[in-house]
Amino acid sequence: MDNSALWFREFGQPEKVLTLEHAPLTARAAGKLRVQMRYSPINPSDLIPVTGAYRHRVVPPRVAGYEGVGVVVEADNPALTGLRVLPLRGEGTWQRWLECDPQWAVPVPDSIPDVLAARGYINPLAAYVMLSKWPVRGKTVLLTAATSSCAGLLAQWAKSQGARAVLGIYRSESQTLVPEEDGIFPVSINDKSGLRHAAQQAEIVFDAVGGALATTLLQHMRPGTDFISYGLLSGELYQMTGAGVHPQRFHLRDTLAVTAAEVWQQWFIELWDMLAASRLPEVRLFPLENWREALDEFAVPGRRSKPMLVM
């Protein structure tokens, strides 16, 4: 039996360095689960490491992809066979078969459909943990990359948790509808006075962009406010210029590395119901063999759907 997988063997633009490779399926390692993948979404967090932005911890050659849903087909414990899981922190998920440590396999409830479960890790868990670490009740929240999936969940859950207001910075006029649907007051990235006003109002900022935008916000934030950097979509670092502002970095991988398995497994138990009740972008499915078309769809400005690979 063969396995098909999207590998990158050097850093570069994903469309140039990713290749679909086929190799015989080897024997399962003792103690591991063998998971037959069903669906894997495409996120910025999947593609940015391929460019070399995180070369201090991501080293090729490796299979791309960080999340997805699959079914356990082999296990030391026969009771696990047939279980739908999110195979976290194992091999890359952009492949048909992978191996995963049982403690990192998150069971998926029967009530959660595959295409929702497939994107139940990166964005939902990041939003959930950030709102737990930095409570927003009674606060004015400012989000960058407001039309992203993670910001959409941050906005919806912040409102449900008692945030006074949620402001969201968007990139293009065609994107404004989505922030409004999520309960976000939209601010254009091109509105310089609007950005300054939003920064002055904010009591907490969740930033996924970095670079010049983050630097501008930090310049105008009030002393004592929190600035949480959880992404770097611009590919550039920000400059710390705000007096008395508390910039902090959040990375989901680092958080999981210092959290006991039983703790973050409990997070997922709480998360599934929240996710099922949330509004998420529609999914557009692409067979694994059509991965280039999926990347093209991902790059479309103002895209309203989530490209997802079908394994």
C-alpha atoms as a PDB file:
ATOM      1  CA  MET A   1       0.000   0.000   0.000  1.00  0.00           C
ATOM      2  CA  ASP A   2       1.309   3.453  -0.915  1.00  0.00           C
ATOM      3  CA  ASN A   3       1.152   6.729   0.971  1.00  0.00           C
ATOM      4  CA  SER A   4       0.777  10.084  -0.794  1.00  0.00           C
ATOM      5  CA  ALA A   5       2.130  13.148   0.992  1.00  0.00           C
ATOM      6  CA  LEU A   6       2.935  16.812   0.324  1.00  0.00           C
ATOM      7  CA  TRP A   7       6.605  17.241   1.201  1.00  0.00           C
ATOM      8  CA  PHE A   8       8.898  20.240   1.260  1.00  0.00           C
ATOM      9  CA  ARG A   9      12.601  19.394   1.115  1.00  0.00           C
ATOM     10  CA  GLU A  10      13.822  22.973   1.151  1.00  0.00           C
ATOM     11  CA  PHE A  11      12.440  26.362   2.189  1.00  0.00           C
ATOM     12  CA  GLY A  12      10.715  28.577  -0.346  1.00  0.00           C
ATOM     13  CA  GLN A  13       7.367  29.647  -1.703  1.00  0.00           C
ATOM     14  CA  PRO A  14       4.951  26.755  -1.043  1.00  0.00           C
ATOM     15  CA  GLU A  15       3.760  26.510  -4.645  1.00  0.00           C
ATOM     16  CA  LYS A  16       7.405  26.068  -5.719  1.00  0.00           C
ATOM     17  CA  VAL A  17       8.825  23.749  -3.062  1.00  0.00           C
ATOM     18  CA  LEU A  18       5.878  21.513  -2.153  1.00  0.00           C
ATOM     19  CA  THR A  19       5.735  18.241  -4.076  1.00  0.00           C
ATOM     20  CA  LEU A  20       3.249  15.376  -3.939  1.00  0.00           C
ATOM     21  CA  GLU A  21       5.313  12.248  -3.344  1.00  0.00           C
ATOM     22  CA  HIS A  22       4.294   8.590  -3.215  1.00  0.00           C
ATOM     23  CA  ALA A  23       6.079   5.966  -1.137  1.00  0.00           C
ATOM     24  CA  PRO A  24       5.316   2.483   0.210  1.00  0.00           C
ATOM     25  CA  LEU A  25       3.565   2.475   3.582  1.00  0.00           C
ATOM     26  CA  THR A  26       5.997   1.144   6.186  1.00  0.00           C
ATOM     27  CA  ALA A  27       5.179  -0.912   9.275  1.00  0.00           C
ATOM     28  CA  ARG A  28       3.609   1.032  12.134  1.00  0.00           C
ATOM     29  CA  ALA A  29       5.960   1.890  15.001  1.00  0.00           C
ATOM     30  CA  ALA A  30       5.153   0.196  18.305  1.00  0.00           C
ATOM     31  CA  GLY A  31       3.065   2.365  20.616  1.00  0.00           C
ATOM     32  CA  LYS A  32       1.856   4.639  17.826  1.00  0.00           C
ATOM     33  CA  LEU A  33      -1.548   4.992  16.208  1.00  0.00           C
ATOM     34  CA  ARG A  34      -1.899   4.722  12.460  1.00  0.00           C
ATOM     35  CA  VAL A  35      -4.426   7.284  11.272  1.00  0.00           C
ATOM     36  CA  GLN A  36      -6.039   7.345   7.850  1.00  0.00           C
ATOM     37  CA  MET A  37      -6.588  11.048   7.172  1.00  0.00           C
ATOM     38  CA  ARG A  38      -9.886  12.314   5.763  1.00  0.00           C
ATOM     39  CA  TYR A  39      -9.641  16.116   5.562  1.00  0.00           C
ATOM     40  CA  SER A  40      -6.968  18.745   6.209  1.00  0.00           C
ATOM     41  CA  PRO A  41      -7.538  22.512   5.884  1.00  0.00           C
ATOM     42  CA  ILE A  42      -5.065  25.074   4.581  1.00  0.00           C
ATOM     43  CA  ASN A  43      -4.101  27.764   7.101  1.00  0.00           C
ATOM     44  CA  PRO A  44      -1.435  30.486   7.133  1.00  0.00           C
ATOM     45  CA  SER A  45       0.219  28.513   9.940  1.00  0.00           C
ATOM     46  CA  ASP A  46       0.662  25.598   7.511  1.00  0.00           C
ATOM     47  CA  LEU A  47       2.303  27.674   4.781  1.00  0.00           C
ATOM     48  CA  ILE A  48       4.437  30.178   6.704  1.00  0.00           C
ATOM     49  CA  PRO A  49       6.854  27.499   8.049  1.00  0.00           C
ATOM     50  CA  VAL A  50       7.410  26.254   4.477  1.00  0.00           C
ATOM     51  CA  THR A  51       8.885  29.667   3.615  1.00  0.00           C
ATOM     52  CA  GLY A  52      11.513  29.329   6.348  1.00  0.00           C
ATOM     53  CA  ALA A  53      10.036  31.916   8.702  1.00  0.00           C
ATOM     54  CA  TYR A  54      10.349  29.498  11.637  1.00  0.00           C
ATOM     55  CA  ARG A  55      13.538  27.767  10.587  1.00  0.00           C
ATOM     56  CA  HIS A  56      14.754  27.720  14.193  1.00  0.00           C
ATOM     57  CA  ARG A  57      12.230  24.937  14.927  1.00  0.00           C
ATOM     58  CA  VAL A  58      10.952  23.683  11.543  1.00  0.00           C
ATOM     59  CA  VAL A  59      13.588  21.902   9.470  1.00  0.00           C
ATOM     60  CA  PRO A  60      12.987  20.170   6.107  1.00  0.00           C
ATOM     61  CA  PRO A  61      12.566  17.607   4.744  1.00  0.00           C
ATOM     62  CA  ARG A  62       9.103  17.146   6.222  1.00  0.00           C
ATOM     63  CA  VAL A  63       5.456  16.715   5.341  1.00  0.00           C
ATOM     64  CA  ALA A  64       3.453  19.943   5.520  1.00  0.00           C
ATOM     65  CA  GLY A  65       0.212  20.536   7.420  1.00  0.00           C
ATOM     66  CA  TYR A  66      -0.646  20.866  11.097  1.00  0.00           C
ATOM     67  CA  GLU A  67      -4.286  19.867  11.485  1.00  0.00           C
ATOM     68  CA  GLY A  68      -6.966  17.608  10.103  1.00  0.00           C
ATOM     69  CA  VAL A  69      -9.226  14.708  11.010  1.00  0.00           C
ATOM     70  CA  GLY A  70      -8.777  11.009  10.404  1.00  0.00           C
ATOM     71  CA  VAL A  71      -9.696   7.536  11.620  1.00  0.00           C
ATOM     72  CA  VAL A  72      -7.503   5.203  13.654  1.00  0.00           C
ATOM     73  CA  VAL A  73      -6.934   2.077  11.560  1.00  0.00           C
ATOM     74  CA  GLU A  74      -4.136   0.430  13.598  1.00  0.00           C
ATOM     75  CA  ALA A  75      -3.322   0.626  17.305  1.00  0.00           C
ATOM     76  CA  ASP A  76      -1.764  -1.451  20.079  1.00  0.00           C
ATOM     77  CA  ASN A  77      -5.109  -1.100  21.858  1.00  0.00           C
ATOM     78  CA  PRO A  78      -7.785  -2.579  19.542  1.00  0.00           C
ATOM     79  CA  ALA A  79     -10.460  -0.481  21.293  1.00  0.00           C
ATOM     80  CA  LEU A  80      -9.021   2.621  19.597  1.00  0.00           C
ATOM     81  CA  THR A  81      -9.493   1.238  16.074  1.00  0.00           C
ATOM     82  CA  GLY A  82     -12.241   3.088  14.230  1.00  0.00           C
ATOM     83  CA  LEU A  83     -12.040   6.169  16.470  1.00  0.00           C
ATOM     84  CA  ARG A  84     -12.153   9.553  14.721  1.00  0.00           C
ATOM     85  CA  VAL A  85      -9.307  11.740  15.996  1.00  0.00           C
ATOM     86  CA  LEU A  86      -7.329  14.906  15.507  1.00  0.00           C
ATOM     87  CA  PRO A  87      -3.743  13.580  15.285  1.00  0.00           C
ATOM     88  CA  LEU A  88      -1.845  16.430  16.918  1.00  0.00           C
ATOM     89  CA  ARG A  89       1.895  17.019  17.083  1.00  0.00           C
ATOM     90  CA  GLY A  90       2.739  13.998  14.964  1.00  0.00           C
ATOM     91  CA  GLU A  91       3.782  13.843  11.349  1.00  0.00           C
ATOM     92  CA  GLY A  92       2.510  16.448   8.888  1.00  0.00           C
ATOM     93  CA  THR A  93      -1.204  16.111   8.189  1.00  0.00           C
ATOM     94  CA  TRP A  94      -1.085  16.693   4.423  1.00  0.00           C
ATOM     95  CA  GLN A  95      -0.803  12.981   3.719  1.00  0.00           C
ATOM     96  CA  ARG A  96      -3.120  10.006   3.487  1.00  0.00           C
ATOM     97  CA  TRP A  97      -1.659   8.017   6.364  1.00  0.00           C
ATOM     98  CA  LEU A  98       0.267   9.157   9.406  1.00  0.00           C
ATOM     99  CA  GLU A  99       1.389   7.973  12.817  1.00  0.00           C
ATOM    100  CA  CYS A 100       0.544   9.703  16.072  1.00  0.00           C
ATOM    101  CA  ASP A 101       1.263   9.248  19.771  1.00  0.00           C
ATOM    102  CA  PRO A 102      -1.987   8.169  21.487  1.00  0.00           C
ATOM    103  CA  GLN A 103      -1.737  10.954  24.083  1.00  0.00           C
ATOM    104  CA  TRP A 104      -1.816  13.512  21.254  1.00  0.00           C
ATOM    105  CA  ALA A 105      -4.865  12.020  19.545  1.00  0.00           C
ATOM    106  CA  VAL A 106      -7.980  14.064  20.368  1.00  0.00           C
ATOM    107  CA  PRO A 107     -11.245  12.076  20.112  1.00  0.00           C
ATOM    108  CA  VAL A 108     -13.950  13.703  17.993  1.00  0.00           C
ATOM    109  CA  PRO A 109     -17.576  13.483  19.232  1.00  0.00           C
ATOM    110  CA  ASP A 110     -20.070  11.817  16.908  1.00  0.00           C
ATOM    111  CA  SER A 111     -22.036  15.075  16.737  1.00  0.00           C
ATOM    112  CA  ILE A 112     -19.151  16.938  15.041  1.00  0.00           C
ATOM    113  CA  PRO A 113     -18.972  16.497  11.237  1.00  0.00           C
ATOM    114  CA  ASP A 114     -15.623  15.795   9.597  1.00  0.00           C
ATOM    115  CA  VAL A 115     -15.219  19.171   7.891  1.00  0.00           C
ATOM    116  CA  LEU A 116     -15.752  20.965  11.208  1.00  0.00           C
ATOM    117  CA  ALA A 117     -13.520  18.600  13.166  1.00  0.00           C
ATOM    118  CA  ALA A 118     -10.744  19.016  10.576  1.00  0.00           C
ATOM    119  CA  ARG A 119     -10.367  22.679  11.549  1.00  0.00           C
ATOM    120  CA  GLY A 120     -10.944  22.182  15.265  1.00  0.00           C
ATOM    121  CA  TYR A 121      -7.328  22.656  16.355  1.00  0.00           C
ATOM    122  CA  ILE A 122      -5.242  25.620  15.205  1.00  0.00           C
ATOM    123  CA  ASN A 123      -7.691  28.531  15.210  1.00  0.00           C
ATOM    124  CA  PRO A 124     -10.321  27.377  17.739  1.00  0.00           C
ATOM    125  CA  LEU A 125      -7.851  26.202  20.365  1.00  0.00           C
ATOM    126  CA  ALA A 126      -5.702  29.318  19.941  1.00  0.00           C
ATOM    127  CA  ALA A 127      -8.750  31.575  20.394  1.00  0.00           C
ATOM    128  CA  TYR A 128      -9.979  29.529  23.362  1.00  0.00           C
ATOM    129  CA  VAL A 129      -6.629  29.583  25.187  1.00  0.00           C
ATOM    130  CA  MET A 130      -5.946  33.276  24.523  1.00  0.00           C
ATOM    131  CA  LEU A 131      -9.331  34.297  25.904  1.00  0.00           C
ATOM    132  CA  SER A 132      -8.640  32.116  28.949  1.00  0.00           C
ATOM    133  CA  LYS A 133      -5.221  33.696  29.535  1.00  0.00           C
ATOM    134  CA  TRP A 134      -6.377  37.247  28.833  1.00  0.00           C
ATOM    135  CA  PRO A 135     -10.045  37.639  29.918  1.00  0.00           C
ATOM    136  CA  VAL A 136     -11.973  40.291  28.003  1.00  0.00           C
ATOM    137  CA  ARG A 137     -15.097  40.827  30.124  1.00  0.00           C
ATOM    138  CA  GLY A 138     -15.912  44.540  30.237  1.00  0.00           C
ATOM    139  CA  LYS A 139     -13.029  45.425  27.899  1.00  0.00           C
ATOM    140  CA  THR A 140     -12.753  46.947  24.438  1.00  0.00           C
ATOM    141  CA  VAL A 141     -10.989  44.406  22.230  1.00  0.00           C
ATOM    142  CA  LEU A 142      -9.087  45.195  19.024  1.00  0.00           C
ATOM    143  CA  LEU A 143      -8.326  42.491  16.456  1.00  0.00           C
ATOM    144  CA  THR A 144      -6.067  42.620  13.428  1.00  0.00           C
ATOM    145  CA  ALA A 145      -6.643  40.371  10.389  1.00  0.00           C
ATOM    146  CA  ALA A 146     -10.292  40.660  11.385  1.00  0.00           C
ATOM    147  CA  THR A 147     -11.583  38.539   8.505  1.00  0.00           C
ATOM    148  CA  SER A 148      -9.426  35.538   9.424  1.00  0.00           C
ATOM    149  CA  SER A 149     -10.946  32.419  10.954  1.00  0.00           C
ATOM    150  CA  CYS A 150      -9.132  32.886  14.250  1.00  0.00           C
ATOM    151  CA  ALA A 151     -10.181  36.534  14.580  1.00  0.00           C
ATOM    152  CA  GLY A 152     -13.755  35.581  13.757  1.00  0.00           C
ATOM    153  CA  LEU A 153     -13.801  33.104  16.628  1.00  0.00           C
ATOM    154  CA  LEU A 154     -12.058  35.565  18.949  1.00  0.00           C
ATOM    155  CA  ALA A 155     -14.746  38.128  18.144  1.00  0.00           C
ATOM    156  CA  GLN A 156     -17.709  35.791  18.595  1.00  0.00           C
ATOM    157  CA  TRP A 157     -16.409  34.300  21.833  1.00  0.00           C
ATOM    158  CA  ALA A 158     -15.221  37.660  23.217  1.00  0.00           C
ATOM    159  CA  LYS A 159     -18.737  39.042  22.756  1.00  0.00           C
ATOM    160  CA  SER A 160     -20.278  35.984  24.439  1.00  0.00           C
ATOM    161  CA  GLN A 161     -17.814  36.376  27.324  1.00  0.00           C
ATOM    162  CA  GLY A 162     -18.844  39.951  28.015  1.00  0.00           C
ATOM    163  CA  ALA A 163     -16.444  42.152  26.022  1.00  0.00           C
ATOM    164  CA  ARG A 164     -17.695  45.751  25.949  1.00  0.00           C
ATOM    165  CA  ALA A 165     -16.904  46.120  22.239  1.00  0.00           C
ATOM    166  CA  VAL A 166     -14.868  44.402  19.543  1.00  0.00           C
ATOM    167  CA  LEU A 167     -13.048  46.424  16.871  1.00  0.00           C
ATOM    168  CA  GLY A 168     -11.531  44.683  13.865  1.00  0.00           C
ATOM    169  CA  ILE A 169      -8.990  45.876  11.315  1.00  0.00           C
ATOM    170  CA  TYR A 170      -9.656  44.590   7.813  1.00  0.00           C
ATOM    171  CA  ARG A 171      -7.606  44.852   4.637  1.00  0.00           C
ATOM    172  CA  SER A 172     -10.010  45.412   1.732  1.00  0.00           C
ATOM    173  CA  GLU A 173     -13.510  46.808   1.297  1.00  0.00           C
ATOM    174  CA  SER A 174     -14.802  43.463   0.005  1.00  0.00           C
ATOM    175  CA  GLN A 175     -14.021  41.941   3.400  1.00  0.00           C
ATOM    176  CA  THR A 176     -16.089  44.258   5.613  1.00  0.00           C
ATOM    177  CA  LEU A 177     -19.209  42.074   5.664  1.00  0.00           C
ATOM    178  CA  VAL A 178     -17.581  39.255   7.592  1.00  0.00           C
ATOM    179  CA  PRO A 179     -16.415  41.356  10.590  1.00  0.00           C
ATOM    180  CA  GLU A 180     -19.889  42.911  10.868  1.00  0.00           C
ATOM    181  CA  GLU A 181     -21.466  39.453  10.938  1.00  0.00           C
ATOM    182  CA  ASP A 182     -19.109  38.450  13.749  1.00  0.00           C
ATOM    183  CA  GLY A 183     -20.124  41.465  15.836  1.00  0.00           C
ATOM    184  CA  ILE A 184     -16.987  43.423  15.002  1.00  0.00           C
ATOM    185  CA  PHE A 185     -16.932  47.173  14.411  1.00  0.00           C
ATOM    186  CA  PRO A 186     -14.786  47.319  11.240  1.00  0.00           C
ATOM    187  CA  VAL A 187     -11.770  49.617  10.810  1.00  0.00           C
ATOM    188  CA  SER A 188      -9.974  49.849   7.474  1.00  0.00           C
ATOM    189  CA  ILE A 189      -6.224  49.332   7.490  1.00  0.00           C
ATOM    190  CA  ASN A 190      -6.035  52.319   5.130  1.00  0.00           C
ATOM    191  CA  ASP A 191      -7.830  54.651   7.580  1.00  0.00           C
ATOM    192  CA  LYS A 192      -4.871  56.093   9.509  1.00  0.00           C
ATOM    193  CA  SER A 193      -6.970  58.241  11.847  1.00  0.00           C
ATOM    194  CA  GLY A 194      -9.317  55.284  12.389  1.00  0.00           C
ATOM    195  CA  LEU A 195      -6.359  53.080  13.346  1.00  0.00           C
ATOM    196  CA  ARG A 196      -5.091  55.651  15.844  1.00  0.00           C
ATOM    197  CA  HIS A 197      -8.561  56.013  17.373  1.00  0.00           C
ATOM    198  CA  ALA A 198      -9.022  52.245  17.593  1.00  0.00           C
ATOM    199  CA  ALA A 199      -5.643  51.827  19.284  1.00  0.00           C
ATOM    200  CA  GLN A 200      -6.481  54.537  21.803  1.00  0.00           C
ATOM    201  CA  GLN A 201      -9.801  52.864  22.634  1.00  0.00           C
ATOM    202  CA  ALA A 202      -8.422  49.347  22.938  1.00  0.00           C
ATOM    203  CA  GLU A 203      -7.789  47.773  26.320  1.00  0.00           C
ATOM    204  CA  ILE A 204      -6.473  44.571  24.774  1.00  0.00           C
ATOM    205  CA  VAL A 205      -5.191  43.827  21.252  1.00  0.00           C
ATOM    206  CA  PHE A 206      -4.904  40.402  19.637  1.00  0.00           C
ATOM    207  CA  ASP A 207      -2.528  40.836  16.695  1.00  0.00           C
ATOM    208  CA  ALA A 208      -1.924  38.302  13.917  1.00  0.00           C
ATOM    209  CA  VAL A 209      -0.096  40.634  11.514  1.00  0.00           C
ATOM    210  CA  GLY A 210       2.964  42.210  13.128  1.00  0.00           C
ATOM    211  CA  GLY A 211       5.095  44.591  11.072  1.00  0.00           C
ATOM    212  CA  ALA A 212       4.105  48.209  10.401  1.00  0.00           C
ATOM    213  CA  LEU A 213       0.479  47.758  11.473  1.00  0.00           C
ATOM    214  CA  ALA A 214       1.419  46.409  14.897  1.00  0.00           C
ATOM    215  CA  THR A 215       4.024  49.149  15.308  1.00  0.00           C
ATOM    216  CA  THR A 216       1.401  51.810  14.555  1.00  0.00           C
ATOM    217  CA  LEU A 217      -1.031  50.356  17.087  1.00  0.00           C
ATOM    218  CA  LEU A 218       1.635  50.150  19.776  1.00  0.00           C
ATOM    219  CA  GLN A 219       2.501  53.810  19.238  1.00  0.00           C
ATOM    220  CA  HIS A 220      -1.025  54.889  20.135  1.00  0.00           C
ATOM    221  CA  MET A 221      -2.159  52.390  22.773  1.00  0.00           C
ATOM    222  CA  ARG A 222      -2.728  53.636  26.290  1.00  0.00           C
ATOM    223  CA  PRO A 223      -0.349  52.707  29.131  1.00  0.00           C
ATOM    224  CA  GLY A 224      -1.359  49.583  31.003  1.00  0.00           C
ATOM    225  CA  THR A 225      -3.027  47.888  28.022  1.00  0.00           C
ATOM    226  CA  ASP A 226      -2.157  44.426  26.714  1.00  0.00           C
ATOM    227  CA  PHE A 227      -0.865  43.621  23.229  1.00  0.00           C
ATOM    228  CA  ILE A 228      -0.872  39.895  22.370  1.00  0.00           C
ATOM    229  CA  SER A 229       1.063  38.887  19.269  1.00  0.00           C
ATOM    230  CA  TYR A 230      -0.098  35.480  18.011  1.00  0.00           C
ATOM    231  CA  GLY A 231       0.885  35.619  14.334  1.00  0.00           C
ATOM    232  CA  LEU A 232       3.119  37.278  11.780  1.00  0.00           C
ATOM    233  CA  LEU A 233       1.119  37.412   8.562  1.00  0.00           C
ATOM    234  CA  SER A 234       3.153  40.384   7.341  1.00  0.00           C
ATOM    235  CA  GLY A 235       6.359  38.393   7.709  1.00  0.00           C
ATOM    236  CA  GLU A 236       7.857  41.322   9.637  1.00  0.00           C
ATOM    237  CA  LEU A 237       8.460  41.991  13.323  1.00  0.00           C
ATOM    238  CA  TYR A 238       6.931  44.997  15.053  1.00  0.00           C
ATOM    239  CA  GLN A 239       8.827  47.772  16.826  1.00  0.00           C
ATOM    240  CA  MET A 240       8.098  48.247  20.529  1.00  0.00           C
ATOM    241  CA  THR A 241       7.414  51.977  20.798  1.00  0.00           C
ATOM    242  CA  GLY A 242       4.396  52.301  23.121  1.00  0.00           C
ATOM    243  CA  ALA A 243       5.190  53.494  26.643  1.00  0.00           C
ATOM    244  CA  GLY A 244       3.619  51.333  29.350  1.00  0.00           C
ATOM    245  CA  VAL A 245       2.029  48.854  26.928  1.00  0.00           C
ATOM    246  CA  HIS A 246       2.482  45.166  27.756  1.00  0.00           C
ATOM    247  CA  PRO A 247       3.451  43.277  24.562  1.00  0.00           C
ATOM    248  CA  GLN A 248       3.248  39.519  24.954  1.00  0.00           C
ATOM    249  CA  ARG A 249       3.745  36.638  22.556  1.00  0.00           C
ATOM    250  CA  PHE A 250       1.391  33.700  22.248  1.00  0.00           C
ATOM    251  CA  HIS A 251       2.214  30.545  20.350  1.00  0.00           C
ATOM    252  CA  LEU A 252      -0.106  27.559  20.642  1.00  0.00           C
ATOM    253  CA  ARG A 253       2.679  25.033  20.155  1.00  0.00           C
ATOM    254  CA  ASP A 254       4.659  26.494  23.067  1.00  0.00           C
ATOM    255  CA  THR A 255       1.575  26.451  25.290  1.00  0.00           C
ATOM    256  CA  LEU A 256       0.809  22.795  24.573  1.00  0.00           C
ATOM    257  CA  ALA A 257       4.448  21.853  25.203  1.00  0.00           C
ATOM    258  CA  VAL A 258       4.165  22.938  28.861  1.00  0.00           C
ATOM    259  CA  THR A 259       0.572  21.793  29.461  1.00  0.00           C
ATOM    260  CA  ALA A 260      -0.311  18.328  30.760  1.00  0.00           C
ATOM    261  CA  ALA A 261      -2.127  16.136  28.236  1.00  0.00           C
ATOM    262  CA  GLU A 262      -5.158  15.682  30.489  1.00  0.00           C
ATOM    263  CA  VAL A 263      -5.510  19.474  30.762  1.00  0.00           C
ATOM    264  CA  TRP A 264      -5.571  20.248  27.069  1.00  0.00           C
ATOM    265  CA  GLN A 265      -7.708  17.188  26.344  1.00  0.00           C
ATOM    266  CA  GLN A 266     -10.250  18.787  28.722  1.00  0.00           C
ATOM    267  CA  TRP A 267      -9.960  22.029  26.730  1.00  0.00           C
ATOM    268  CA  PHE A 268     -11.204  20.158  23.668  1.00  0.00           C
ATOM    269  CA  ILE A 269     -14.136  18.688  25.566  1.00  0.00           C
ATOM    270  CA  GLU A 270     -15.217  22.241  26.390  1.00  0.00           C
ATOM    271  CA  LEU A 271     -14.336  23.518  22.929  1.00  0.00           C
ATOM    272  CA  TRP A 272     -16.452  21.205  20.774  1.00  0.00           C
ATOM    273  CA  ASP A 273     -19.799  22.681  21.849  1.00  0.00           C
ATOM    274  CA  MET A 274     -18.481  26.233  21.454  1.00  0.00           C
ATOM    275  CA  LEU A 275     -17.222  25.435  17.979  1.00  0.00           C
ATOM    276  CA  ALA A 276     -20.450  23.751  16.894  1.00  0.00           C
ATOM    277  CA  ALA A 277     -22.392  26.899  17.868  1.00  0.00           C
ATOM    278  CA  SER A 278     -20.024  29.295  16.060  1.00  0.00           C
ATOM    279  CA  ARG A 279     -20.158  30.774  12.583  1.00  0.00           C
ATOM    280  CA  LEU A 280     -17.250  29.666  10.385  1.00  0.00           C
ATOM    281  CA  PRO A 281     -16.432  30.268   6.708  1.00  0.00           C
ATOM    282  CA  GLU A 282     -17.803  27.748   4.250  1.00  0.00           C
ATOM    283  CA  VAL A 283     -15.454  25.005   3.092  1.00  0.00           C
ATOM    284  CA  ARG A 284     -14.294  24.390  -0.473  1.00  0.00           C
ATOM    285  CA  LEU A 285     -12.966  20.876  -0.995  1.00  0.00           C
ATOM    286  CA  PHE A 286      -9.992  19.902  -3.182  1.00  0.00           C
ATOM    287  CA  PRO A 287      -8.663  16.370  -3.743  1.00  0.00           C
ATOM    288  CA  LEU A 288      -5.097  16.019  -2.502  1.00  0.00           C
ATOM    289  CA  GLU A 289      -3.933  15.664  -6.123  1.00  0.00           C
ATOM    290  CA  ASN A 290      -5.351  19.165  -6.807  1.00  0.00           C
ATOM    291  CA  TRP A 291      -3.322  20.810  -4.056  1.00  0.00           C
ATOM    292  CA  ARG A 292      -2.050  23.527  -6.413  1.00  0.00           C
ATOM    293  CA  GLU A 293      -5.623  24.631  -7.100  1.00  0.00           C
ATOM    294  CA  ALA A 294      -6.229  24.688  -3.343  1.00  0.00           C
ATOM    295  CA  LEU A 295      -3.224  26.982  -2.825  1.00  0.00           C
ATOM    296  CA  ASP A 296      -4.454  29.244  -5.628  1.00  0.00           C
ATOM    297  CA  GLU A 297      -7.843  29.470  -3.925  1.00  0.00           C
ATOM    298  CA  PHE A 298      -6.174  30.226  -0.604  1.00  0.00           C
ATOM    299  CA  ALA A 299      -4.325  33.187  -2.167  1.00  0.00           C
ATOM    300  CA  VAL A 300      -7.457  34.846  -3.635  1.00  0.00           C
ATOM    301  CA  PRO A 301      -7.910  38.342  -2.088  1.00  0.00           C
ATOM    302  CA  GLY A 302     -11.138  38.644  -0.122  1.00  0.00           C
ATOM    303  CA  ARG A 303     -11.629  34.876  -0.168  1.00  0.00           C
ATOM    304  CA  ARG A 304     -14.811  33.849   1.657  1.00  0.00           C
ATOM    305  CA  SER A 305     -14.251  30.092   1.886  1.00  0.00           C
ATOM    306  CA  LYS A 306     -11.732  27.781   3.572  1.00  0.00           C
ATOM    307  CA  PRO A 307      -9.800  25.534   1.147  1.00  0.00           C
ATOM    308  CA  MET A 308      -9.591  21.983   2.480  1.00  0.00           C
ATOM    309  CA  LEU A 309      -7.710  18.978   1.135  1.00  0.00           C
ATOM    310  CA  VAL A 310      -9.633  15.721   0.768  1.00  0.00           C
ATOM    311  CA  MET A 311      -7.371  12.784   1.509  1.00  0.00           C
END
